[in-house]
Amino acid sequence: KLPVMLLFYQEVEKGNLDPQGEYLLKEKDKVLGAGILPGKAAGTTYTYHYLVELMGQYSDNTAFKIMRQVLGDEQIQEMIDKLGMEKTSLQEFTTTPEDIGLFFQKLYQGEIINDEDRDELLQFLTKTAYEDWLPKGIPQGVKIAHKIGKDLGTFSDGGIIFADNPYIIVLMSKDARELEANEALPKISQIIWDYENTSSL
């Protein structure tokens, strides 16, 4: 979902897409799993901007499907390749911690969209509906912009920890159970937090 969110902002900045353009939700658009749109009535209109917000805050699968259609898979993959995310495929739903880390690095450094849009995108990834993994490993009150991912046997969480010395962390699991991920990911997050905040002393 992250590359789709990014491409939305790039297309808006180029003048190719109106963020307030509206989409009429259809029953066939609805995708089960994460998100709130499956519970909304077909025939309701939503702006593209709001759909992108839902992708960040709720990891909304329906919003993701719609924005893929709006932006086009070929253009999305082209942007992924330009970023240097060599092991990320939209069609195959594959990526790596390194690629997601690269995404957040370039986003944080302001290399891929303007600062205002970057800050908004990061805000959409803050205080999400999924705060059980990375955020549980860091002290309360520390800002974290992150994106979770769930699939059969795979659980991931990656983002930027806005500590005194900000850092990027991406955790991915394979052939795991959700109960294991619920225990392991916060522990790893805490270990890295402790390391990052003692090694610089």
N, C-alpha and C. Protein backbone atom coordinates (compact mmCIF):
# COMPACT_ATOMS: atom_id res chain seq x y z
N LYS A 1 0.82 -1.22 0.00
CA LYS A 1 0.00 0.00 0.00
C LYS A 1 0.85 1.27 0.00
N LEU A 2 2.05 1.19 0.58
CA LEU A 2 2.89 2.39 0.67
C LEU A 2 3.21 3.00 -0.69
N PRO A 3 3.63 2.21 -1.69
CA PRO A 3 3.91 2.81 -3.00
C PRO A 3 2.68 3.45 -3.63
N VAL A 4 1.50 2.88 -3.40
CA VAL A 4 0.27 3.45 -3.95
C VAL A 4 -0.01 4.81 -3.30
N MET A 5 0.18 4.89 -2.00
CA MET A 5 0.01 6.17 -1.30
C MET A 5 0.98 7.21 -1.84
N LEU A 6 2.22 6.80 -2.04
CA LEU A 6 3.23 7.72 -2.54
C LEU A 6 2.90 8.21 -3.94
N LEU A 7 2.52 7.29 -4.82
CA LEU A 7 2.21 7.67 -6.20
C LEU A 7 1.03 8.62 -6.26
N PHE A 8 0.07 8.46 -5.37
CA PHE A 8 -1.05 9.40 -5.29
C PHE A 8 -0.52 10.82 -5.14
N TYR A 9 0.38 11.02 -4.18
CA TYR A 9 0.91 12.37 -3.95
C TYR A 9 1.74 12.85 -5.13
N GLN A 10 2.51 11.98 -5.73
CA GLN A 10 3.30 12.38 -6.89
C GLN A 10 2.41 12.83 -8.04
N GLU A 11 1.33 12.11 -8.27
CA GLU A 11 0.41 12.46 -9.35
C GLU A 11 -0.33 13.77 -9.04
N VAL A 12 -0.66 13.99 -7.79
CA VAL A 12 -1.30 15.25 -7.39
C VAL A 12 -0.33 16.41 -7.62
N GLU A 13 0.94 16.22 -7.22
CA GLU A 13 1.93 17.28 -7.38
C GLU A 13 2.17 17.62 -8.85
N LYS A 14 2.06 16.63 -9.71
CA LYS A 14 2.24 16.86 -11.15
C LYS A 14 1.00 17.47 -11.81
N GLY A 15 -0.09 17.53 -11.07
CA GLY A 15 -1.33 18.05 -11.63
C GLY A 15 -2.11 17.03 -12.43
N ASN A 16 -1.74 15.75 -12.29
CA ASN A 16 -2.41 14.69 -13.05
C ASN A 16 -3.65 14.13 -12.34
N LEU A 17 -3.81 14.47 -11.07
CA LEU A 17 -4.90 13.89 -10.29
C LEU A 17 -5.44 14.92 -9.31
N ASP A 18 -6.75 15.06 -9.26
CA ASP A 18 -7.40 15.95 -8.30
C ASP A 18 -7.63 15.17 -7.00
N PRO A 19 -6.99 15.58 -5.91
CA PRO A 19 -7.15 14.83 -4.66
C PRO A 19 -8.59 14.82 -4.15
N GLN A 20 -9.36 15.82 -4.57
CA GLN A 20 -10.76 15.89 -4.15
C GLN A 20 -11.71 15.24 -5.16
N GLY A 21 -11.12 14.61 -6.17
CA GLY A 21 -11.94 13.83 -7.10
C GLY A 21 -12.66 12.74 -6.35
N GLU A 22 -13.87 12.42 -6.77
CA GLU A 22 -14.70 11.49 -6.00
C GLU A 22 -14.86 10.14 -6.70
N TYR A 23 -14.97 9.12 -5.86
CA TYR A 23 -15.19 7.75 -6.35
C TYR A 23 -16.46 7.21 -5.71
N LEU A 24 -17.30 6.60 -6.54
CA LEU A 24 -18.54 6.00 -6.05
C LEU A 24 -18.29 4.54 -5.69
N LEU A 25 -18.44 4.22 -4.41
CA LEU A 25 -18.17 2.86 -3.93
C LEU A 25 -19.20 1.88 -4.49
N LYS A 26 -18.70 0.80 -5.05
CA LYS A 26 -19.57 -0.26 -5.58
C LYS A 26 -19.41 -1.52 -4.71
N GLU A 27 -20.42 -2.35 -4.73
CA GLU A 27 -20.36 -3.59 -3.94
C GLU A 27 -19.19 -4.45 -4.38
N LYS A 28 -18.91 -4.48 -5.68
CA LYS A 28 -17.83 -5.33 -6.20
C LYS A 28 -16.45 -4.81 -5.82
N ASP A 29 -16.38 -3.57 -5.34
CA ASP A 29 -15.09 -3.01 -4.91
C ASP A 29 -14.64 -3.59 -3.58
N LYS A 30 -15.59 -4.05 -2.79
CA LYS A 30 -15.30 -4.39 -1.40
C LYS A 30 -14.41 -5.63 -1.28
N VAL A 31 -13.38 -5.49 -0.45
CA VAL A 31 -12.43 -6.57 -0.19
C VAL A 31 -12.45 -6.86 1.31
N LEU A 32 -12.60 -8.12 1.67
CA LEU A 32 -12.62 -8.48 3.08
C LEU A 32 -11.24 -8.30 3.70
N GLY A 33 -11.21 -8.30 5.01
CA GLY A 33 -9.95 -8.11 5.71
C GLY A 33 -9.90 -6.72 6.32
N ALA A 34 -8.71 -6.14 6.32
CA ALA A 34 -8.50 -4.85 6.99
C ALA A 34 -9.30 -3.74 6.33
N GLY A 35 -9.77 -2.81 7.17
CA GLY A 35 -10.42 -1.63 6.64
C GLY A 35 -11.86 -1.48 7.07
N ILE A 36 -12.40 -0.28 6.82
CA ILE A 36 -13.77 0.03 7.22
C ILE A 36 -14.73 0.09 6.04
N LEU A 37 -14.22 0.19 4.82
CA LEU A 37 -15.10 0.36 3.66
C LEU A 37 -16.03 -0.83 3.40
N PRO A 38 -15.62 -2.09 3.69
CA PRO A 38 -16.56 -3.19 3.46
C PRO A 38 -17.87 -3.04 4.23
N GLY A 39 -17.83 -2.30 5.33
CA GLY A 39 -19.04 -2.09 6.13
C GLY A 39 -19.85 -0.88 5.71
N LYS A 40 -19.37 -0.15 4.71
CA LYS A 40 -20.07 1.05 4.23
C LYS A 40 -21.00 0.70 3.08
N ALA A 41 -22.03 1.51 2.91
CA ALA A 41 -23.04 1.25 1.88
C ALA A 41 -22.49 1.55 0.49
N ALA A 42 -22.75 0.65 -0.44
CA ALA A 42 -22.44 0.92 -1.84
C ALA A 42 -23.26 2.13 -2.29
N GLY A 43 -22.66 2.93 -3.18
CA GLY A 43 -23.33 4.15 -3.63
C GLY A 43 -22.85 5.39 -2.89
N THR A 44 -22.02 5.18 -1.86
CA THR A 44 -21.43 6.30 -1.12
C THR A 44 -20.21 6.80 -1.88
N THR A 45 -20.00 8.11 -1.89
CA THR A 45 -18.83 8.66 -2.59
C THR A 45 -17.75 9.04 -1.59
N TYR A 46 -16.52 8.84 -2.00
CA TYR A 46 -15.35 9.17 -1.19
C TYR A 46 -14.32 9.87 -2.08
N THR A 47 -13.61 10.83 -1.52
CA THR A 47 -12.55 11.48 -2.29
C THR A 47 -11.33 10.56 -2.34
N TYR A 48 -10.52 10.74 -3.37
CA TYR A 48 -9.28 9.97 -3.47
C TYR A 48 -8.40 10.23 -2.24
N HIS A 49 -8.40 11.49 -1.81
CA HIS A 49 -7.60 11.86 -0.64
C HIS A 49 -8.02 11.06 0.59
N TYR A 50 -9.32 10.92 0.79
CA TYR A 50 -9.82 10.17 1.94
C TYR A 50 -9.48 8.69 1.82
N LEU A 51 -9.55 8.15 0.61
CA LEU A 51 -9.21 6.74 0.40
C LEU A 51 -7.75 6.48 0.78
N VAL A 52 -6.87 7.42 0.45
CA VAL A 52 -5.45 7.28 0.80
C VAL A 52 -5.28 7.36 2.32
N GLU A 53 -6.04 8.23 2.95
CA GLU A 53 -5.99 8.30 4.42
C GLU A 53 -6.42 6.97 5.04
N LEU A 54 -7.46 6.35 4.49
CA LEU A 54 -7.92 5.05 5.00
C LEU A 54 -6.86 3.98 4.81
N MET A 55 -6.12 4.05 3.71
CA MET A 55 -5.05 3.08 3.48
C MET A 55 -3.98 3.19 4.56
N GLY A 56 -3.71 4.41 5.01
CA GLY A 56 -2.71 4.60 6.06
C GLY A 56 -3.23 4.23 7.43
N GLN A 57 -4.38 4.77 7.78
CA GLN A 57 -4.88 4.60 9.14
C GLN A 57 -5.43 3.21 9.41
N TYR A 58 -6.12 2.64 8.43
CA TYR A 58 -6.79 1.35 8.64
C TYR A 58 -6.23 0.23 7.77
N SER A 59 -5.21 0.52 6.97
CA SER A 59 -4.68 -0.46 6.01
C SER A 59 -5.82 -1.02 5.16
N ASP A 60 -6.71 -0.13 4.73
CA ASP A 60 -7.97 -0.53 4.10
C ASP A 60 -7.75 -1.20 2.75
N ASN A 61 -8.12 -2.47 2.67
CA ASN A 61 -7.91 -3.24 1.43
C ASN A 61 -8.79 -2.75 0.28
N THR A 62 -10.00 -2.31 0.61
CA THR A 62 -10.90 -1.81 -0.43
C THR A 62 -10.38 -0.50 -1.02
N ALA A 63 -9.92 0.40 -0.15
CA ALA A 63 -9.34 1.66 -0.63
C ALA A 63 -8.11 1.39 -1.50
N PHE A 64 -7.32 0.40 -1.10
CA PHE A 64 -6.13 0.01 -1.86
C PHE A 64 -6.53 -0.48 -3.26
N LYS A 65 -7.53 -1.32 -3.32
CA LYS A 65 -8.00 -1.85 -4.61
C LYS A 65 -8.47 -0.73 -5.53
N ILE A 66 -9.23 0.21 -4.97
CA ILE A 66 -9.75 1.32 -5.76
C ILE A 66 -8.61 2.20 -6.28
N MET A 67 -7.67 2.54 -5.41
CA MET A 67 -6.58 3.43 -5.82
C MET A 67 -5.64 2.74 -6.80
N ARG A 68 -5.51 1.44 -6.71
CA ARG A 68 -4.75 0.70 -7.74
C ARG A 68 -5.40 0.89 -9.10
N GLN A 69 -6.72 0.81 -9.13
CA GLN A 69 -7.44 1.00 -10.39
C GLN A 69 -7.28 2.42 -10.91
N VAL A 70 -7.34 3.38 -10.01
CA VAL A 70 -7.23 4.79 -10.39
C VAL A 70 -5.84 5.10 -10.95
N LEU A 71 -4.81 4.61 -10.29
CA LEU A 71 -3.43 4.95 -10.66
C LEU A 71 -2.86 4.02 -11.72
N GLY A 72 -3.27 2.77 -11.72
CA GLY A 72 -2.79 1.81 -12.71
C GLY A 72 -1.57 1.03 -12.23
N ASP A 73 -1.64 -0.29 -12.31
CA ASP A 73 -0.57 -1.14 -11.80
C ASP A 73 0.76 -0.88 -12.49
N GLU A 74 0.73 -0.64 -13.79
CA GLU A 74 1.98 -0.43 -14.52
C GLU A 74 2.71 0.81 -14.02
N GLN A 75 1.96 1.87 -13.79
CA GLN A 75 2.56 3.11 -13.29
C GLN A 75 3.06 2.94 -11.86
N ILE A 76 2.32 2.18 -11.06
CA ILE A 76 2.75 1.94 -9.67
C ILE A 76 4.06 1.16 -9.65
N GLN A 77 4.15 0.09 -10.44
CA GLN A 77 5.37 -0.71 -10.48
C GLN A 77 6.54 0.09 -11.03
N GLU A 78 6.27 0.94 -11.99
CA GLU A 78 7.33 1.80 -12.56
C GLU A 78 7.92 2.69 -11.48
N MET A 79 7.05 3.26 -10.64
CA MET A 79 7.52 4.12 -9.56
C MET A 79 8.31 3.31 -8.52
N ILE A 80 7.84 2.09 -8.22
CA ILE A 80 8.56 1.21 -7.30
C ILE A 80 9.98 0.95 -7.82
N ASP A 81 10.09 0.67 -9.11
CA ASP A 81 11.40 0.40 -9.72
C ASP A 81 12.29 1.63 -9.67
N LYS A 82 11.72 2.80 -9.92
CA LYS A 82 12.50 4.05 -9.90
C LYS A 82 13.06 4.33 -8.51
N LEU A 83 12.32 3.93 -7.49
CA LEU A 83 12.78 4.13 -6.12
C LEU A 83 13.96 3.23 -5.77
N GLY A 84 14.17 2.20 -6.58
CA GLY A 84 15.24 1.24 -6.30
C GLY A 84 14.79 0.08 -5.44
N MET A 85 13.48 -0.10 -5.32
CA MET A 85 12.95 -1.22 -4.53
C MET A 85 12.94 -2.46 -5.43
N GLU A 86 14.13 -3.05 -5.58
CA GLU A 86 14.36 -4.07 -6.61
C GLU A 86 13.64 -5.38 -6.35
N LYS A 87 13.29 -5.65 -5.10
CA LYS A 87 12.66 -6.93 -4.77
C LYS A 87 11.20 -6.77 -4.36
N THR A 88 10.60 -5.70 -4.85
CA THR A 88 9.19 -5.43 -4.56
C THR A 88 8.37 -5.56 -5.83
N SER A 89 7.35 -6.41 -5.78
CA SER A 89 6.47 -6.63 -6.92
C SER A 89 5.02 -6.42 -6.50
N LEU A 90 4.34 -5.50 -7.15
CA LEU A 90 2.93 -5.26 -6.86
C LEU A 90 2.08 -6.46 -7.23
N GLN A 91 2.37 -7.06 -8.36
CA GLN A 91 1.57 -8.20 -8.83
C GLN A 91 1.71 -9.42 -7.92
N GLU A 92 2.93 -9.65 -7.45
CA GLU A 92 3.19 -10.83 -6.63
C GLU A 92 3.04 -10.57 -5.13
N PHE A 93 2.77 -9.31 -4.77
CA PHE A 93 2.65 -8.92 -3.36
C PHE A 93 3.89 -9.34 -2.57
N THR A 94 5.06 -9.08 -3.12
CA THR A 94 6.31 -9.42 -2.43
C THR A 94 7.14 -8.18 -2.21
N THR A 95 7.87 -8.17 -1.11
CA THR A 95 8.81 -7.10 -0.82
C THR A 95 9.81 -7.62 0.21
N THR A 96 10.73 -6.77 0.63
CA THR A 96 11.74 -7.14 1.62
C THR A 96 11.87 -6.03 2.65
N PRO A 97 12.43 -6.34 3.83
CA PRO A 97 12.68 -5.28 4.81
C PRO A 97 13.57 -4.18 4.24
N GLU A 98 14.56 -4.57 3.44
CA GLU A 98 15.47 -3.58 2.86
C GLU A 98 14.71 -2.60 1.96
N ASP A 99 13.81 -3.13 1.14
CA ASP A 99 13.05 -2.26 0.23
C ASP A 99 12.13 -1.31 0.99
N ILE A 100 11.46 -1.82 2.01
CA ILE A 100 10.57 -0.96 2.79
C ILE A 100 11.39 0.07 3.56
N GLY A 101 12.54 -0.34 4.07
CA GLY A 101 13.43 0.61 4.73
C GLY A 101 13.89 1.71 3.79
N LEU A 102 14.21 1.34 2.56
CA LEU A 102 14.61 2.32 1.55
C LEU A 102 13.47 3.31 1.27
N PHE A 103 12.27 2.79 1.18
CA PHE A 103 11.10 3.65 0.97
C PHE A 103 11.01 4.71 2.07
N PHE A 104 11.07 4.27 3.32
CA PHE A 104 10.94 5.21 4.43
C PHE A 104 12.13 6.17 4.49
N GLN A 105 13.31 5.71 4.13
CA GLN A 105 14.48 6.58 4.12
C GLN A 105 14.30 7.72 3.12
N LYS A 106 13.89 7.38 1.91
CA LYS A 106 13.72 8.40 0.87
C LYS A 106 12.55 9.33 1.21
N LEU A 107 11.52 8.77 1.81
CA LEU A 107 10.38 9.59 2.22
C LEU A 107 10.82 10.57 3.31
N TYR A 108 11.51 10.09 4.32
CA TYR A 108 11.96 10.92 5.43
C TYR A 108 12.89 12.04 4.96
N GLN A 109 13.76 11.71 4.03
CA GLN A 109 14.74 12.69 3.55
C GLN A 109 14.16 13.68 2.55
N GLY A 110 12.89 13.53 2.22
CA GLY A 110 12.23 14.48 1.34
C GLY A 110 12.64 14.37 -0.11
N GLU A 111 13.03 13.16 -0.52
CA GLU A 111 13.55 12.98 -1.88
C GLU A 111 12.47 12.69 -2.90
N ILE A 112 11.25 12.33 -2.47
CA ILE A 112 10.30 11.79 -3.44
C ILE A 112 8.98 12.56 -3.53
N ILE A 113 8.62 13.32 -2.52
CA ILE A 113 7.49 14.24 -2.60
C ILE A 113 7.82 15.47 -1.76
N ASN A 114 7.06 16.54 -1.93
CA ASN A 114 7.38 17.76 -1.19
C ASN A 114 7.12 17.57 0.30
N ASP A 115 7.67 18.46 1.10
CA ASP A 115 7.65 18.30 2.55
C ASP A 115 6.22 18.28 3.11
N GLU A 116 5.35 19.11 2.57
CA GLU A 116 3.98 19.17 3.07
C GLU A 116 3.26 17.84 2.85
N ASP A 117 3.40 17.29 1.65
CA ASP A 117 2.76 16.01 1.36
C ASP A 117 3.40 14.88 2.15
N ARG A 118 4.72 14.95 2.30
CA ARG A 118 5.41 13.93 3.11
C ARG A 118 4.88 13.92 4.53
N ASP A 119 4.75 15.11 5.11
CA ASP A 119 4.28 15.20 6.50
C ASP A 119 2.86 14.67 6.64
N GLU A 120 2.02 14.93 5.62
CA GLU A 120 0.65 14.42 5.68
C GLU A 120 0.63 12.91 5.56
N LEU A 121 1.42 12.37 4.63
CA LEU A 121 1.48 10.91 4.47
C LEU A 121 1.93 10.25 5.77
N LEU A 122 2.96 10.82 6.39
CA LEU A 122 3.45 10.27 7.66
C LEU A 122 2.39 10.39 8.75
N GLN A 123 1.61 11.47 8.71
CA GLN A 123 0.55 11.62 9.70
C GLN A 123 -0.51 10.54 9.55
N PHE A 124 -0.80 10.15 8.30
CA PHE A 124 -1.76 9.08 8.05
C PHE A 124 -1.26 7.74 8.60
N LEU A 125 0.06 7.63 8.78
CA LEU A 125 0.66 6.39 9.29
C LEU A 125 0.91 6.46 10.80
N THR A 126 0.41 7.51 11.42
CA THR A 126 0.58 7.71 12.86
C THR A 126 -0.77 7.49 13.56
N LYS A 127 -0.74 6.88 14.72
CA LYS A 127 -1.97 6.58 15.47
C LYS A 127 -2.95 5.80 14.58
N THR A 128 -2.47 4.70 14.07
CA THR A 128 -3.28 3.86 13.19
C THR A 128 -4.18 2.94 14.02
N ALA A 129 -4.97 2.15 13.32
CA ALA A 129 -5.82 1.17 14.01
C ALA A 129 -5.02 -0.05 14.46
N TYR A 130 -3.74 -0.08 14.09
CA TYR A 130 -2.90 -1.25 14.39
C TYR A 130 -1.64 -0.79 15.13
N GLU A 131 -1.74 -0.73 16.44
CA GLU A 131 -0.63 -0.23 17.25
C GLU A 131 -0.07 -1.31 18.17
N ASP A 132 -0.20 -2.58 17.77
CA ASP A 132 0.14 -3.69 18.66
C ASP A 132 1.55 -4.24 18.50
N TRP A 133 2.27 -3.82 17.46
CA TRP A 133 3.57 -4.44 17.21
C TRP A 133 4.70 -3.45 17.47
N LEU A 134 5.14 -2.69 16.49
CA LEU A 134 6.24 -1.75 16.73
C LEU A 134 5.95 -0.78 17.88
N PRO A 135 4.78 -0.13 17.90
CA PRO A 135 4.54 0.86 18.95
C PRO A 135 4.62 0.30 20.36
N LYS A 136 4.29 -0.97 20.55
CA LYS A 136 4.31 -1.56 21.89
C LYS A 136 5.73 -1.72 22.43
N GLY A 137 6.71 -1.64 21.55
CA GLY A 137 8.09 -1.80 21.98
C GLY A 137 8.80 -0.50 22.29
N ILE A 138 8.10 0.62 22.13
CA ILE A 138 8.72 1.92 22.41
C ILE A 138 7.90 2.65 23.47
N PRO A 139 8.51 3.60 24.17
CA PRO A 139 7.79 4.30 25.23
C PRO A 139 6.58 5.07 24.70
N GLN A 140 5.56 5.16 25.53
CA GLN A 140 4.38 5.95 25.15
C GLN A 140 4.78 7.40 24.95
N GLY A 141 4.16 8.04 23.98
CA GLY A 141 4.45 9.44 23.72
C GLY A 141 5.46 9.66 22.62
N VAL A 142 6.20 8.61 22.25
CA VAL A 142 7.15 8.73 21.14
C VAL A 142 6.38 8.52 19.84
N LYS A 143 6.51 9.46 18.92
CA LYS A 143 5.78 9.37 17.65
C LYS A 143 6.38 8.29 16.77
N ILE A 144 5.49 7.51 16.14
CA ILE A 144 5.92 6.50 15.19
C ILE A 144 4.98 6.52 13.99
N ALA A 145 5.54 6.62 12.81
CA ALA A 145 4.77 6.51 11.56
C ALA A 145 5.11 5.15 10.97
N HIS A 146 4.11 4.29 10.82
CA HIS A 146 4.42 2.91 10.44
C HIS A 146 3.28 2.29 9.65
N LYS A 147 3.58 1.18 9.02
CA LYS A 147 2.58 0.46 8.23
C LYS A 147 2.72 -1.03 8.52
N ILE A 148 1.60 -1.65 8.88
CA ILE A 148 1.61 -3.09 9.14
C ILE A 148 1.22 -3.85 7.89
N GLY A 149 1.55 -5.11 7.89
CA GLY A 149 1.12 -5.99 6.80
C GLY A 149 0.79 -7.35 7.36
N LYS A 150 -0.31 -7.93 6.89
CA LYS A 150 -0.72 -9.27 7.33
C LYS A 150 -1.10 -10.09 6.11
N ASP A 151 -0.62 -11.32 6.09
CA ASP A 151 -1.04 -12.28 5.07
C ASP A 151 -0.89 -13.66 5.70
N LEU A 152 -1.19 -14.69 4.96
CA LEU A 152 -1.09 -16.04 5.50
C LEU A 152 0.34 -16.34 5.96
N GLY A 153 0.54 -16.44 7.27
CA GLY A 153 1.84 -16.78 7.81
C GLY A 153 2.86 -15.66 7.82
N THR A 154 2.49 -14.49 7.31
CA THR A 154 3.44 -13.37 7.28
C THR A 154 2.84 -12.18 8.02
N PHE A 155 3.65 -11.61 8.88
CA PHE A 155 3.23 -10.46 9.67
C PHE A 155 4.39 -9.47 9.68
N SER A 156 4.12 -8.22 9.33
CA SER A 156 5.20 -7.24 9.23
C SER A 156 4.77 -5.89 9.75
N ASP A 157 5.75 -5.12 10.16
CA ASP A 157 5.51 -3.75 10.62
C ASP A 157 6.80 -2.98 10.38
N GLY A 158 6.68 -1.83 9.75
CA GLY A 158 7.87 -1.04 9.46
C GLY A 158 7.55 0.44 9.46
N GLY A 159 8.54 1.24 9.83
CA GLY A 159 8.29 2.68 9.82
C GLY A 159 9.43 3.47 10.41
N ILE A 160 9.10 4.71 10.79
CA ILE A 160 10.08 5.65 11.33
C ILE A 160 9.73 5.92 12.79
N ILE A 161 10.72 5.75 13.66
CA ILE A 161 10.57 6.08 15.08
C ILE A 161 11.16 7.47 15.28
N PHE A 162 10.32 8.42 15.68
CA PHE A 162 10.78 9.80 15.82
C PHE A 162 11.32 10.03 17.24
N ALA A 163 12.41 9.32 17.53
CA ALA A 163 13.11 9.51 18.80
C ALA A 163 14.00 10.75 18.68
N ASP A 164 14.79 11.03 19.74
CA ASP A 164 15.73 12.16 19.65
C ASP A 164 16.66 11.96 18.47
N ASN A 165 17.05 10.72 18.25
CA ASN A 165 17.77 10.34 17.04
C ASN A 165 16.86 9.39 16.26
N PRO A 166 16.10 9.92 15.30
CA PRO A 166 15.13 9.08 14.58
C PRO A 166 15.80 7.91 13.88
N TYR A 167 15.08 6.81 13.80
CA TYR A 167 15.60 5.65 13.08
C TYR A 167 14.46 4.91 12.38
N ILE A 168 14.84 4.13 11.39
CA ILE A 168 13.89 3.34 10.61
C ILE A 168 14.02 1.89 11.02
N ILE A 169 12.89 1.23 11.20
CA ILE A 169 12.88 -0.18 11.57
C ILE A 169 11.83 -0.90 10.73
N VAL A 170 12.20 -2.05 10.21
CA VAL A 170 11.25 -2.88 9.45
C VAL A 170 11.39 -4.32 9.94
N LEU A 171 10.30 -4.88 10.44
CA LEU A 171 10.28 -6.26 10.91
C LEU A 171 9.33 -7.07 10.04
N MET A 172 9.79 -8.22 9.58
CA MET A 172 8.95 -9.11 8.79
C MET A 172 9.12 -10.54 9.28
N SER A 173 8.02 -11.28 9.30
CA SER A 173 8.07 -12.68 9.71
C SER A 173 7.55 -13.55 8.58
N LYS A 174 7.94 -14.81 8.60
CA LYS A 174 7.50 -15.75 7.58
C LYS A 174 7.17 -17.08 8.25
N ASP A 175 6.13 -17.74 7.75
CA ASP A 175 5.68 -19.02 8.32
C ASP A 175 5.45 -18.90 9.83
N ALA A 176 4.79 -17.82 10.22
CA ALA A 176 4.54 -17.56 11.64
C ALA A 176 3.04 -17.59 11.92
N ARG A 177 2.74 -17.70 13.20
CA ARG A 177 1.35 -17.58 13.64
C ARG A 177 1.17 -16.19 14.25
N GLU A 178 -0.05 -15.68 14.18
CA GLU A 178 -0.27 -14.32 14.66
C GLU A 178 0.05 -14.19 16.15
N LEU A 179 -0.24 -15.22 16.93
CA LEU A 179 0.08 -15.17 18.35
C LEU A 179 1.58 -15.00 18.56
N GLU A 180 2.37 -15.68 17.73
CA GLU A 180 3.83 -15.56 17.81
C GLU A 180 4.26 -14.15 17.44
N ALA A 181 3.67 -13.61 16.37
CA ALA A 181 4.00 -12.25 15.94
C ALA A 181 3.63 -11.24 17.01
N ASN A 182 2.48 -11.45 17.65
CA ASN A 182 2.04 -10.52 18.69
C ASN A 182 3.01 -10.47 19.86
N GLU A 183 3.73 -11.55 20.07
CA GLU A 183 4.70 -11.60 21.17
C GLU A 183 6.09 -11.16 20.71
N ALA A 184 6.50 -11.63 19.53
CA ALA A 184 7.87 -11.40 19.08
C ALA A 184 8.12 -9.98 18.58
N LEU A 185 7.21 -9.43 17.78
CA LEU A 185 7.48 -8.13 17.16
C LEU A 185 7.65 -7.01 18.18
N PRO A 186 6.79 -6.90 19.20
CA PRO A 186 7.03 -5.86 20.21
C PRO A 186 8.35 -6.05 20.96
N LYS A 187 8.73 -7.32 21.22
CA LYS A 187 9.99 -7.58 21.92
C LYS A 187 11.18 -7.11 21.09
N ILE A 188 11.16 -7.44 19.80
CA ILE A 188 12.26 -7.01 18.92
C ILE A 188 12.29 -5.49 18.82
N SER A 189 11.11 -4.89 18.71
CA SER A 189 11.02 -3.43 18.66
C SER A 189 11.64 -2.80 19.90
N GLN A 190 11.37 -3.40 21.08
CA GLN A 190 11.91 -2.86 22.33
C GLN A 190 13.43 -3.02 22.39
N ILE A 191 13.92 -4.16 21.94
CA ILE A 191 15.38 -4.40 21.94
C ILE A 191 16.08 -3.36 21.07
N ILE A 192 15.52 -3.08 19.91
CA ILE A 192 16.14 -2.11 19.01
C ILE A 192 16.02 -0.70 19.58
N TRP A 193 14.88 -0.39 20.21
CA TRP A 193 14.74 0.91 20.87
C TRP A 193 15.82 1.08 21.93
N ASP A 194 16.00 0.06 22.77
CA ASP A 194 17.01 0.14 23.83
C ASP A 194 18.40 0.34 23.24
N TYR A 195 18.70 -0.38 22.17
CA TYR A 195 20.01 -0.25 21.53
C TYR A 195 20.20 1.15 20.96
N GLU A 196 19.21 1.63 20.23
CA GLU A 196 19.31 2.94 19.58
C GLU A 196 19.45 4.07 20.60
N ASN A 197 18.89 3.87 21.78
CA ASN A 197 18.89 4.95 22.75
C ASN A 197 19.93 4.79 23.85
N THR A 198 20.79 3.79 23.73
CA THR A 198 21.93 3.68 24.65
C THR A 198 23.25 3.75 23.90
N SER A 199 23.25 3.31 22.63
CA SER A 199 24.51 3.27 21.88
C SER A 199 25.04 4.65 21.56
N SER A 200 24.15 5.68 21.60
CA SER A 200 24.59 7.02 21.25
C SER A 200 25.03 7.82 22.47
N LEU A 201 24.92 7.21 23.66
CA LEU A 201 25.30 7.93 24.88
C LEU A 201 26.81 7.99 25.04
